Amino acid sequence: MIIIESSLVAFASTSAFGEQMTLWPPFYPEHPFDNGMLRIRDEQLETFPRTEAKLRQRLAAYYALMTHTDAQIGRILQTLDELGLTGNTIIVFASDNGLALGSHGLVGKQNIYEHSVKVPLILSGPGIPRGADREQLCYMYDVHPTLLDLTGLKTPDTVQYKSLAPLLDHPEVPHRDHLYFAFMQWQRSVRDERFKLIEYVVDGTRHTQLFDLMEDPFETSNLANADDHQDTIKRLRALLQAERIKLNDGSVPYDFSRGQGESFWAGYHQTR
């Protein structure tokens, strides 16, 4: 079994191709409000306000890194073929969270928009349908029980996540109907197959976003204040609270993460 994790950390010189790049929507010169991380770490990779010209150069470099990564994975796959191991090898391709590169006025990945929480997940190997896609929601943690199932090993009772193996032969089998996201002490989110709620609490100020991911996959139109979506807001806020309890957000035995959860939820309830 080989697990490949790709992390794009280098930077390539691609100035000749920058002008040809189409930026990912929505491009904003700056994020419309403080999300807690606007001047920290990755966001300092580019000047403020963002400009389309500079972001095109960064996007060209990003695509160059993808091309480089693809070539190196090709070398691994070729070696498996040469060694006669392809037939009994499971390959998992995944990556770290992606950079925003101008979307929503952000450069880094310290956010809960789809461009930064969605990551690639490709499985290849015996028992895995060739060229098939699955649309079900999942966590990366689900890979662990999936690999145990595919290799005939028992999943320990302590594992909290769900195997994707049943989806391989049955594309319509249910898996997860919602996902929960948490970023430090500033952002919490929950989504189902259609709608996504993001709640922010930064320095005593609270912001709410609601996106219809089917109609607005790039999260450009905030529906949080729309009269006809207040029932959706209410439903997703209840789900957010339920998942907080289920996943022990703010109650885990680790000081760092517990403090983040405690801080967010204290501020969240104080700013209602």
C-alpha atoms as a PDB file:
ATOM      1  CA  MET A   1       0.000   0.000   0.000  1.00  0.00           C
ATOM      2  CA  ILE A   2       1.314   3.428  -0.932  1.00  0.00           C
ATOM      3  CA  ILE A   3      -0.192   6.664   0.318  1.00  0.00           C
ATOM      4  CA  ILE A   4       0.858   9.751  -1.597  1.00  0.00           C
ATOM      5  CA  GLU A   5       0.285  13.167  -0.069  1.00  0.00           C
ATOM      6  CA  SER A   6       1.096  16.145  -2.257  1.00  0.00           C
ATOM      7  CA  SER A   7       1.946  19.450  -0.600  1.00  0.00           C
ATOM      8  CA  LEU A   8       2.622  22.357  -2.927  1.00  0.00           C
ATOM      9  CA  VAL A   9       5.324  24.343  -1.174  1.00  0.00           C
ATOM     10  CA  ALA A  10       7.733  25.497  -3.861  1.00  0.00           C
ATOM     11  CA  PHE A  11       7.473  28.550  -6.101  1.00  0.00           C
ATOM     12  CA  ALA A  12       8.170  28.558  -9.833  1.00  0.00           C
ATOM     13  CA  SER A  13       9.055  31.373 -12.191  1.00  0.00           C
ATOM     14  CA  THR A  14       6.128  31.615 -14.610  1.00  0.00           C
ATOM     15  CA  SER A  15       6.025  35.295 -15.531  1.00  0.00           C
ATOM     16  CA  ALA A  16       5.680  34.457 -19.229  1.00  0.00           C
ATOM     17  CA  PHE A  17       2.352  32.703 -18.594  1.00  0.00           C
ATOM     18  CA  GLY A  18       0.802  34.972 -15.972  1.00  0.00           C
ATOM     19  CA  GLU A  19      -1.130  37.140 -18.410  1.00  0.00           C
ATOM     20  CA  GLN A  20      -2.869  34.063 -19.804  1.00  0.00           C
ATOM     21  CA  MET A  21      -4.338  33.043 -16.447  1.00  0.00           C
ATOM     22  CA  THR A  22      -8.032  33.402 -15.605  1.00  0.00           C
ATOM     23  CA  LEU A  23      -8.470  34.159 -11.916  1.00  0.00           C
ATOM     24  CA  TRP A  24     -10.742  32.008  -9.808  1.00  0.00           C
ATOM     25  CA  PRO A  25     -14.005  33.751  -8.884  1.00  0.00           C
ATOM     26  CA  PRO A  26     -14.857  35.767  -6.995  1.00  0.00           C
ATOM     27  CA  PHE A  27     -11.802  38.042  -7.207  1.00  0.00           C
ATOM     28  CA  TYR A  28     -11.909  40.845  -4.608  1.00  0.00           C
ATOM     29  CA  PRO A  29      -9.130  43.370  -3.902  1.00  0.00           C
ATOM     30  CA  GLU A  30      -9.769  42.729  -0.181  1.00  0.00           C
ATOM     31  CA  HIS A  31     -12.027  40.558   1.958  1.00  0.00           C
ATOM     32  CA  PRO A  32     -15.207  42.479   2.881  1.00  0.00           C
ATOM     33  CA  PHE A  33     -14.731  42.098   6.668  1.00  0.00           C
ATOM     34  CA  ASP A  34     -12.194  40.875   9.229  1.00  0.00           C
ATOM     35  CA  ASN A  35     -12.200  37.065   9.335  1.00  0.00           C
ATOM     36  CA  GLY A  36      -9.472  36.900  12.006  1.00  0.00           C
ATOM     37  CA  MET A  37      -6.582  36.118   9.643  1.00  0.00           C
ATOM     38  CA  LEU A  38      -6.435  38.980   7.151  1.00  0.00           C
ATOM     39  CA  ARG A  39      -2.874  40.064   7.957  1.00  0.00           C
ATOM     40  CA  ILE A  40      -1.363  36.788   9.136  1.00  0.00           C
ATOM     41  CA  ARG A  41       0.876  34.193   7.492  1.00  0.00           C
ATOM     42  CA  ASP A  42      -0.191  33.360   3.911  1.00  0.00           C
ATOM     43  CA  GLU A  43      -2.085  36.636   3.535  1.00  0.00           C
ATOM     44  CA  GLN A  44       1.245  38.453   3.727  1.00  0.00           C
ATOM     45  CA  LEU A  45       2.458  36.726   0.567  1.00  0.00           C
ATOM     46  CA  GLU A  46       0.824  39.465  -1.489  1.00  0.00           C
ATOM     47  CA  THR A  47       0.352  43.202  -1.075  1.00  0.00           C
ATOM     48  CA  PHE A  48      -2.906  44.983  -0.214  1.00  0.00           C
ATOM     49  CA  PRO A  49      -5.140  45.615  -1.984  1.00  0.00           C
ATOM     50  CA  ARG A  50      -4.810  42.565  -4.219  1.00  0.00           C
ATOM     51  CA  THR A  51      -4.297  43.202  -7.913  1.00  0.00           C
ATOM     52  CA  GLU A  52      -5.357  40.947 -10.756  1.00  0.00           C
ATOM     53  CA  ALA A  53      -1.929  41.151 -12.416  1.00  0.00           C
ATOM     54  CA  LYS A  54      -0.028  39.905  -9.362  1.00  0.00           C
ATOM     55  CA  LEU A  55      -2.553  37.190  -8.623  1.00  0.00           C
ATOM     56  CA  ARG A  56      -2.324  35.917 -12.197  1.00  0.00           C
ATOM     57  CA  GLN A  57       1.418  35.436 -11.697  1.00  0.00           C
ATOM     58  CA  ARG A  58       0.805  33.478  -8.505  1.00  0.00           C
ATOM     59  CA  LEU A  59      -1.858  31.366 -10.178  1.00  0.00           C
ATOM     60  CA  ALA A  60       0.532  30.543 -13.022  1.00  0.00           C
ATOM     61  CA  ALA A  61       3.103  29.402 -10.454  1.00  0.00           C
ATOM     62  CA  TYR A  62       0.436  27.328  -8.704  1.00  0.00           C
ATOM     63  CA  TYR A  63      -0.434  25.534 -11.937  1.00  0.00           C
ATOM     64  CA  ALA A  64       3.262  24.960 -12.609  1.00  0.00           C
ATOM     65  CA  LEU A  65       3.563  23.269  -9.230  1.00  0.00           C
ATOM     66  CA  MET A  66       0.614  21.047 -10.076  1.00  0.00           C
ATOM     67  CA  THR A  67       2.309  20.046 -13.315  1.00  0.00           C
ATOM     68  CA  HIS A  68       5.534  19.259 -11.449  1.00  0.00           C
ATOM     69  CA  THR A  69       3.659  17.204  -8.853  1.00  0.00           C
ATOM     70  CA  ASP A  70       1.831  15.285 -11.581  1.00  0.00           C
ATOM     71  CA  ALA A  71       5.137  14.398 -13.234  1.00  0.00           C
ATOM     72  CA  GLN A  72       6.601  13.061  -9.978  1.00  0.00           C
ATOM     73  CA  ILE A  73       3.536  10.936  -9.304  1.00  0.00           C
ATOM     74  CA  GLY A  74       3.920   9.589 -12.821  1.00  0.00           C
ATOM     75  CA  ARG A  75       7.412   8.392 -11.896  1.00  0.00           C
ATOM     76  CA  ILE A  76       6.010   6.520  -8.896  1.00  0.00           C
ATOM     77  CA  LEU A  77       3.260   4.884 -10.950  1.00  0.00           C
ATOM     78  CA  GLN A  78       5.770   3.864 -13.614  1.00  0.00           C
ATOM     79  CA  THR A  79       7.996   2.280 -10.968  1.00  0.00           C
ATOM     80  CA  LEU A  80       5.043   0.311  -9.569  1.00  0.00           C
ATOM     81  CA  ASP A  81       4.375  -1.023 -13.068  1.00  0.00           C
ATOM     82  CA  GLU A  82       8.016  -1.946 -13.593  1.00  0.00           C
ATOM     83  CA  LEU A  83       8.101  -3.813 -10.256  1.00  0.00           C
ATOM     84  CA  GLY A  84       4.850  -5.634 -10.998  1.00  0.00           C
ATOM     85  CA  LEU A  85       3.155  -4.105  -7.940  1.00  0.00           C
ATOM     86  CA  THR A  86       0.362  -2.105  -9.550  1.00  0.00           C
ATOM     87  CA  GLY A  87      -2.153  -4.945  -9.323  1.00  0.00           C
ATOM     88  CA  ASN A  88      -1.997  -5.165  -5.539  1.00  0.00           C
ATOM     89  CA  THR A  89      -1.293  -1.547  -4.611  1.00  0.00           C
ATOM     90  CA  ILE A  90      -3.818   1.019  -3.395  1.00  0.00           C
ATOM     91  CA  ILE A  91      -2.866   4.585  -4.205  1.00  0.00           C
ATOM     92  CA  VAL A  92      -4.405   7.531  -2.378  1.00  0.00           C
ATOM     93  CA  PHE A  93      -3.831  10.984  -3.840  1.00  0.00           C
ATOM     94  CA  ALA A  94      -4.762  13.876  -1.571  1.00  0.00           C
ATOM     95  CA  SER A  95      -3.322  17.236  -0.656  1.00  0.00           C
ATOM     96  CA  ASP A  96      -3.240  19.956   1.921  1.00  0.00           C
ATOM     97  CA  ASN A  97      -5.837  22.723   1.734  1.00  0.00           C
ATOM     98  CA  GLY A  98      -5.481  24.972  -1.302  1.00  0.00           C
ATOM     99  CA  LEU A  99      -4.590  28.640  -1.498  1.00  0.00           C
ATOM    100  CA  ALA A 100      -7.313  31.180  -2.279  1.00  0.00           C
ATOM    101  CA  LEU A 101      -5.134  33.124  -4.748  1.00  0.00           C
ATOM    102  CA  GLY A 102      -7.431  36.142  -4.883  1.00  0.00           C
ATOM    103  CA  SER A 103     -10.806  34.501  -4.303  1.00  0.00           C
ATOM    104  CA  HIS A 104     -12.787  36.549  -1.768  1.00  0.00           C
ATOM    105  CA  GLY A 105      -9.810  38.905  -1.500  1.00  0.00           C
ATOM    106  CA  LEU A 106      -7.702  36.201   0.179  1.00  0.00           C
ATOM    107  CA  VAL A 107      -4.378  34.643  -0.784  1.00  0.00           C
ATOM    108  CA  GLY A 108      -3.953  31.849   1.755  1.00  0.00           C
ATOM    109  CA  LYS A 109      -5.965  28.905   3.026  1.00  0.00           C
ATOM    110  CA  GLN A 110      -6.916  30.229   6.478  1.00  0.00           C
ATOM    111  CA  ASN A 111     -10.632  30.327   5.733  1.00  0.00           C
ATOM    112  CA  ILE A 112     -13.668  28.058   5.337  1.00  0.00           C
ATOM    113  CA  TYR A 113     -14.695  28.922   1.786  1.00  0.00           C
ATOM    114  CA  GLU A 114     -15.005  25.979  -0.609  1.00  0.00           C
ATOM    115  CA  HIS A 115     -11.804  26.897  -2.474  1.00  0.00           C
ATOM    116  CA  SER A 116      -9.838  26.239   0.708  1.00  0.00           C
ATOM    117  CA  VAL A 117     -11.686  23.417   2.501  1.00  0.00           C
ATOM    118  CA  LYS A 118     -12.183  21.175  -0.538  1.00  0.00           C
ATOM    119  CA  VAL A 119      -9.160  19.026  -1.328  1.00  0.00           C
ATOM    120  CA  PRO A 120      -8.543  16.420  -4.025  1.00  0.00           C
ATOM    121  CA  LEU A 121      -9.145  12.784  -3.149  1.00  0.00           C
ATOM    122  CA  ILE A 122      -8.354  10.121  -5.741  1.00  0.00           C
ATOM    123  CA  LEU A 123      -8.237   6.384  -5.022  1.00  0.00           C
ATOM    124  CA  SER A 124      -6.749   3.839  -7.388  1.00  0.00           C
ATOM    125  CA  GLY A 125      -6.182   0.134  -7.033  1.00  0.00           C
ATOM    126  CA  PRO A 126      -7.780  -3.311  -6.971  1.00  0.00           C
ATOM    127  CA  GLY A 127     -11.525  -3.210  -6.333  1.00  0.00           C
ATOM    128  CA  ILE A 128     -11.773   0.508  -7.154  1.00  0.00           C
ATOM    129  CA  PRO A 129     -13.818   1.390 -10.282  1.00  0.00           C
ATOM    130  CA  ARG A 130     -11.742   2.963 -13.024  1.00  0.00           C
ATOM    131  CA  GLY A 131     -12.653   6.532 -14.061  1.00  0.00           C
ATOM    132  CA  ALA A 132     -15.631   6.756 -11.692  1.00  0.00           C
ATOM    133  CA  ASP A 133     -16.709   9.838  -9.718  1.00  0.00           C
ATOM    134  CA  ARG A 134     -18.573  10.034  -6.430  1.00  0.00           C
ATOM    135  CA  GLU A 135     -20.408  13.146  -5.248  1.00  0.00           C
ATOM    136  CA  GLN A 136     -21.002  12.220  -1.593  1.00  0.00           C
ATOM    137  CA  LEU A 137     -19.663  14.481   1.146  1.00  0.00           C
ATOM    138  CA  CYS A 138     -16.775  13.062   3.143  1.00  0.00           C
ATOM    139  CA  TYR A 139     -13.973  13.923   5.517  1.00  0.00           C
ATOM    140  CA  MET A 140     -10.341  13.086   4.801  1.00  0.00           C
ATOM    141  CA  TYR A 141     -10.480  11.100   8.042  1.00  0.00           C
ATOM    142  CA  ASP A 142     -12.761   8.653   6.194  1.00  0.00           C
ATOM    143  CA  VAL A 143      -9.730   7.410   4.257  1.00  0.00           C
ATOM    144  CA  HIS A 144      -8.493   5.468   7.300  1.00  0.00           C
ATOM    145  CA  PRO A 145     -11.457   3.068   7.638  1.00  0.00           C
ATOM    146  CA  THR A 146     -11.712   2.944   3.844  1.00  0.00           C
ATOM    147  CA  LEU A 147      -8.199   1.531   3.515  1.00  0.00           C
ATOM    148  CA  LEU A 148      -8.827  -0.925   6.334  1.00  0.00           C
ATOM    149  CA  ASP A 149     -11.924  -2.200   4.516  1.00  0.00           C
ATOM    150  CA  LEU A 150     -10.166  -2.433   1.157  1.00  0.00           C
ATOM    151  CA  THR A 151      -7.270  -4.399   2.641  1.00  0.00           C
ATOM    152  CA  GLY A 152      -9.497  -6.758   4.636  1.00  0.00           C
ATOM    153  CA  LEU A 153      -8.531  -5.418   8.046  1.00  0.00           C
ATOM    154  CA  LYS A 154     -10.921  -4.751  10.920  1.00  0.00           C
ATOM    155  CA  THR A 155     -11.663  -1.153  11.767  1.00  0.00           C
ATOM    156  CA  PRO A 156     -11.121  -0.560  15.506  1.00  0.00           C
ATOM    157  CA  ASP A 157     -14.226   0.365  17.482  1.00  0.00           C
ATOM    158  CA  THR A 158     -12.529   3.620  18.494  1.00  0.00           C
ATOM    159  CA  VAL A 159     -12.501   4.942  14.910  1.00  0.00           C
ATOM    160  CA  GLN A 160     -15.177   7.643  14.591  1.00  0.00           C
ATOM    161  CA  TYR A 161     -15.151   8.027  10.813  1.00  0.00           C
ATOM    162  CA  LYS A 162     -16.883   6.141   7.999  1.00  0.00           C
ATOM    163  CA  SER A 163     -15.495   3.945   5.266  1.00  0.00           C
ATOM    164  CA  LEU A 164     -16.018   5.016   1.671  1.00  0.00           C
ATOM    165  CA  ALA A 165     -15.750   1.407   0.478  1.00  0.00           C
ATOM    166  CA  PRO A 166     -19.547   0.882   0.114  1.00  0.00           C
ATOM    167  CA  LEU A 167     -19.645   3.774  -2.398  1.00  0.00           C
ATOM    168  CA  LEU A 168     -17.247   2.051  -4.761  1.00  0.00           C
ATOM    169  CA  ASP A 169     -19.739  -0.554  -5.962  1.00  0.00           C
ATOM    170  CA  HIS A 170     -22.905   1.392  -5.160  1.00  0.00           C
ATOM    171  CA  PRO A 171     -22.625   5.041  -6.326  1.00  0.00           C
ATOM    172  CA  GLU A 172     -25.952   6.106  -4.762  1.00  0.00           C
ATOM    173  CA  VAL A 173     -25.391   4.723  -1.269  1.00  0.00           C
ATOM    174  CA  PRO A 174     -25.668   7.492   1.371  1.00  0.00           C
ATOM    175  CA  HIS A 175     -22.506   8.537   3.179  1.00  0.00           C
ATOM    176  CA  ARG A 176     -22.717  11.922   4.935  1.00  0.00           C
ATOM    177  CA  ASP A 177     -25.489  14.475   4.679  1.00  0.00           C
ATOM    178  CA  HIS A 178     -23.483  17.309   6.250  1.00  0.00           C
ATOM    179  CA  LEU A 179     -19.967  18.426   7.228  1.00  0.00           C
ATOM    180  CA  TYR A 180     -18.651  20.598  10.053  1.00  0.00           C
ATOM    181  CA  PHE A 181     -15.688  22.989   9.743  1.00  0.00           C
ATOM    182  CA  ALA A 182     -13.733  24.851  12.419  1.00  0.00           C
ATOM    183  CA  PHE A 183     -10.888  27.305  11.989  1.00  0.00           C
ATOM    184  CA  MET A 184      -9.133  28.443  15.137  1.00  0.00           C
ATOM    185  CA  GLN A 185     -11.158  30.761  17.388  1.00  0.00           C
ATOM    186  CA  TRP A 186     -12.705  32.841  14.603  1.00  0.00           C
ATOM    187  CA  GLN A 187     -14.685  30.688  12.177  1.00  0.00           C
ATOM    188  CA  ARG A 188     -17.185  27.837  12.342  1.00  0.00           C
ATOM    189  CA  SER A 189     -19.264  26.363   9.526  1.00  0.00           C
ATOM    190  CA  VAL A 190     -21.658  23.587   8.613  1.00  0.00           C
ATOM    191  CA  ARG A 191     -22.887  22.537   5.178  1.00  0.00           C
ATOM    192  CA  ASP A 192     -25.279  20.047   3.711  1.00  0.00           C
ATOM    193  CA  GLU A 193     -25.584  19.015   0.085  1.00  0.00           C
ATOM    194  CA  ARG A 194     -26.996  22.403  -0.885  1.00  0.00           C
ATOM    195  CA  PHE A 195     -26.488  25.138   1.706  1.00  0.00           C
ATOM    196  CA  LYS A 196     -23.474  26.302   3.686  1.00  0.00           C
ATOM    197  CA  LEU A 197     -23.498  28.454   6.824  1.00  0.00           C
ATOM    198  CA  ILE A 198     -20.345  30.251   7.985  1.00  0.00           C
ATOM    199  CA  GLU A 199     -20.240  32.100  11.319  1.00  0.00           C
ATOM    200  CA  TYR A 200     -17.421  34.492  12.232  1.00  0.00           C
ATOM    201  CA  VAL A 201     -16.620  35.995  15.633  1.00  0.00           C
ATOM    202  CA  VAL A 202     -13.667  38.408  15.597  1.00  0.00           C
ATOM    203  CA  ASP A 203     -12.970  40.952  18.353  1.00  0.00           C
ATOM    204  CA  GLY A 204     -16.568  40.915  19.522  1.00  0.00           C
ATOM    205  CA  THR A 205     -18.014  41.344  16.029  1.00  0.00           C
ATOM    206  CA  ARG A 206     -20.063  38.607  14.430  1.00  0.00           C
ATOM    207  CA  HIS A 207     -20.690  38.021  10.729  1.00  0.00           C
ATOM    208  CA  THR A 208     -22.916  35.380   9.142  1.00  0.00           C
ATOM    209  CA  GLN A 209     -22.775  34.031   5.592  1.00  0.00           C
ATOM    210  CA  LEU A 210     -25.187  31.650   3.884  1.00  0.00           C
ATOM    211  CA  PHE A 211     -24.479  30.282   0.412  1.00  0.00           C
ATOM    212  CA  ASP A 212     -26.534  28.114  -1.921  1.00  0.00           C
ATOM    213  CA  LEU A 213     -23.755  25.881  -3.234  1.00  0.00           C
ATOM    214  CA  MET A 214     -25.883  24.398  -6.003  1.00  0.00           C
ATOM    215  CA  GLU A 215     -26.789  27.779  -7.487  1.00  0.00           C
ATOM    216  CA  ASP A 216     -23.671  29.636  -6.336  1.00  0.00           C
ATOM    217  CA  PRO A 217     -20.718  27.208  -6.096  1.00  0.00           C
ATOM    218  CA  PHE A 218     -18.174  30.048  -5.900  1.00  0.00           C
ATOM    219  CA  GLU A 219     -19.921  31.587  -2.853  1.00  0.00           C
ATOM    220  CA  THR A 220     -20.477  35.023  -4.332  1.00  0.00           C
ATOM    221  CA  SER A 221     -23.970  35.831  -3.000  1.00  0.00           C
ATOM    222  CA  ASN A 222     -24.536  35.945   0.766  1.00  0.00           C
ATOM    223  CA  LEU A 223     -28.150  34.952   1.530  1.00  0.00           C
ATOM    224  CA  ALA A 224     -27.926  35.379   5.304  1.00  0.00           C
ATOM    225  CA  ASN A 225     -30.265  38.383   5.365  1.00  0.00           C
ATOM    226  CA  ALA A 226     -32.709  37.159   2.738  1.00  0.00           C
ATOM    227  CA  ASP A 227     -36.220  36.809   4.166  1.00  0.00           C
ATOM    228  CA  ASP A 228     -36.889  33.580   2.286  1.00  0.00           C
ATOM    229  CA  HIS A 229     -33.804  31.880   3.773  1.00  0.00           C
ATOM    230  CA  GLN A 230     -34.341  32.501   7.489  1.00  0.00           C
ATOM    231  CA  ASP A 231     -35.667  28.975   8.046  1.00  0.00           C
ATOM    232  CA  THR A 232     -32.493  27.637   6.433  1.00  0.00           C
ATOM    233  CA  ILE A 233     -30.372  29.833   8.730  1.00  0.00           C
ATOM    234  CA  LYS A 234     -32.281  28.556  11.762  1.00  0.00           C
ATOM    235  CA  ARG A 235     -31.922  24.916  10.681  1.00  0.00           C
ATOM    236  CA  LEU A 236     -28.201  25.155   9.975  1.00  0.00           C
ATOM    237  CA  ARG A 237     -27.502  27.030  13.220  1.00  0.00           C
ATOM    238  CA  ALA A 238     -29.182  24.208  15.117  1.00  0.00           C
ATOM    239  CA  LEU A 239     -27.077  21.706  13.172  1.00  0.00           C
ATOM    240  CA  LEU A 240     -23.931  23.739  13.899  1.00  0.00           C
ATOM    241  CA  GLN A 241     -24.640  23.537  17.630  1.00  0.00           C
ATOM    242  CA  ALA A 242     -25.396  19.816  17.457  1.00  0.00           C
ATOM    243  CA  GLU A 243     -22.150  19.079  15.610  1.00  0.00           C
ATOM    244  CA  ARG A 244     -20.217  21.228  18.058  1.00  0.00           C
ATOM    245  CA  ILE A 245     -21.397  18.929  20.854  1.00  0.00           C
ATOM    246  CA  LYS A 246     -20.943  15.725  18.857  1.00  0.00           C
ATOM    247  CA  LEU A 247     -17.368  16.612  17.887  1.00  0.00           C
ATOM    248  CA  ASN A 248     -16.413  18.087  21.297  1.00  0.00           C
ATOM    249  CA  ASP A 249     -15.519  21.469  19.821  1.00  0.00           C
ATOM    250  CA  GLY A 250     -14.238  23.365  22.845  1.00  0.00           C
ATOM    251  CA  SER A 251     -14.202  20.268  25.075  1.00  0.00           C
ATOM    252  CA  VAL A 252     -11.265  18.217  23.761  1.00  0.00           C
ATOM    253  CA  PRO A 253      -8.426  17.348  26.188  1.00  0.00           C
ATOM    254  CA  TYR A 254      -5.860  19.452  24.311  1.00  0.00           C
ATOM    255  CA  ASP A 255      -5.254  22.977  25.582  1.00  0.00           C
ATOM    256  CA  PHE A 256      -4.620  24.532  22.160  1.00  0.00           C
ATOM    257  CA  SER A 257      -7.766  23.318  20.385  1.00  0.00           C
ATOM    258  CA  ARG A 258      -9.957  23.443  23.462  1.00  0.00           C
ATOM    259  CA  GLY A 259      -9.069  27.094  23.986  1.00  0.00           C
ATOM    260  CA  GLN A 260      -9.947  27.935  20.386  1.00  0.00           C
ATOM    261  CA  GLY A 261     -13.356  26.315  20.652  1.00  0.00           C
ATOM    262  CA  GLU A 262     -14.105  27.862  24.022  1.00  0.00           C
ATOM    263  CA  SER A 263     -13.151  31.296  22.704  1.00  0.00           C
ATOM    264  CA  PHE A 264     -15.300  31.038  19.579  1.00  0.00           C
ATOM    265  CA  TRP A 265     -18.420  29.755  21.299  1.00  0.00           C
ATOM    266  CA  ALA A 266     -18.180  32.219  24.150  1.00  0.00           C
ATOM    267  CA  GLY A 267     -17.973  35.092  21.670  1.00  0.00           C
ATOM    268  CA  TYR A 268     -20.676  33.562  19.479  1.00  0.00           C
ATOM    269  CA  HIS A 269     -23.242  33.502  22.257  1.00  0.00           C
ATOM    270  CA  GLN A 270     -22.268  36.933  23.560  1.00  0.00           C
ATOM    271  CA  THR A 271     -22.800  38.597  20.179  1.00  0.00           C
ATOM    272  CA  ARG A 272     -26.255  37.237  19.364  1.00  0.00           C
END
